[in-house]
Amino acid sequence: MFDENAPRARREYEIGQKLDELSIADLEAIMAELKAEIARIELARKAKASHLDAAQALFSRK
């Protein structure tokens, strides 16, 4: 039998995908994942910028 209350398996989200067929819960889950990914990318960018600044400071001394 088909269980209407069983959680649906959510498809992987792709940037630019049509959002019409997604539920509010799906959209909220996607938003949470994207926000977490943005935070992860920002941390990586800050770490790289910090390393670049340190290298520039080291090699720009005359």
Protein backbone atom coordinates (compact mmCIF):
# COMPACT_ATOMS: atom_id res chain seq x y z
CA MET A 1 0.00 0.00 0.00
CA PHE A 2 0.97 3.63 -0.43
CA ASP A 3 1.53 5.54 2.79
CA GLU A 4 0.53 9.18 2.28
CA ASN A 5 2.19 10.19 5.55
CA ALA A 6 5.56 8.67 4.71
CA PRO A 7 8.27 11.28 4.11
CA ARG A 8 9.06 11.76 0.44
CA ALA A 9 12.60 11.41 -0.73
CA ARG A 10 13.70 14.87 -1.79
CA ARG A 11 15.54 15.19 -5.07
CA GLU A 12 18.88 16.92 -5.15
CA TYR A 13 18.46 20.66 -5.74
CA GLU A 14 20.09 22.28 -8.76
CA ILE A 15 20.66 26.02 -9.17
CA GLY A 16 18.05 27.39 -11.57
CA GLN A 17 15.67 24.50 -11.08
CA LYS A 18 11.95 25.22 -11.30
CA LEU A 19 10.52 25.69 -7.84
CA ASP A 20 6.83 25.27 -8.67
CA GLU A 21 6.68 21.59 -7.76
CA LEU A 22 8.49 21.88 -4.42
CA SER A 23 6.66 22.02 -1.12
CA ILE A 24 7.21 24.71 1.48
CA ALA A 25 9.14 22.18 3.57
CA ASP A 26 11.34 21.35 0.58
CA LEU A 27 12.00 25.04 -0.07
CA GLU A 28 12.88 25.65 3.58
CA ALA A 29 15.25 22.67 3.58
CA ILE A 30 16.93 23.92 0.40
CA MET A 31 17.27 27.41 1.88
CA ALA A 32 18.90 25.99 5.03
CA GLU A 33 21.35 23.94 2.96
CA LEU A 34 22.22 26.93 0.78
CA LYS A 35 22.73 29.21 3.80
CA ALA A 36 25.04 26.62 5.36
CA GLU A 37 26.96 26.34 2.10
CA ILE A 38 27.29 30.14 1.83
CA ALA A 39 28.66 30.26 5.39
CA ARG A 40 31.16 27.50 4.54
CA ILE A 41 32.28 29.35 1.39
CA GLU A 42 32.64 32.64 3.30
CA LEU A 43 34.90 30.95 5.87
CA ALA A 44 37.06 29.46 3.11
CA ARG A 45 37.28 32.86 1.39
CA LYS A 46 38.29 34.59 4.63
CA ALA A 47 40.96 31.96 5.31
CA LYS A 48 42.38 32.33 1.80
CA ALA A 49 42.31 36.13 2.06
CA SER A 50 44.12 35.93 5.39
CA HIS A 51 46.83 33.71 3.90
CA LEU A 52 47.17 36.01 0.90
CA ASP A 53 47.48 39.08 3.15
CA ALA A 54 50.16 37.33 5.22
CA ALA A 55 52.11 36.33 2.11
CA GLN A 56 51.87 39.83 0.65
CA ALA A 57 53.05 41.32 3.94
CA LEU A 58 55.99 38.91 4.07
CA PHE A 59 57.13 39.40 0.49
CA SER A 60 56.43 43.12 0.16
CA ARG A 61 58.97 44.06 2.85
CA LYS A 62 61.94 45.88 1.37
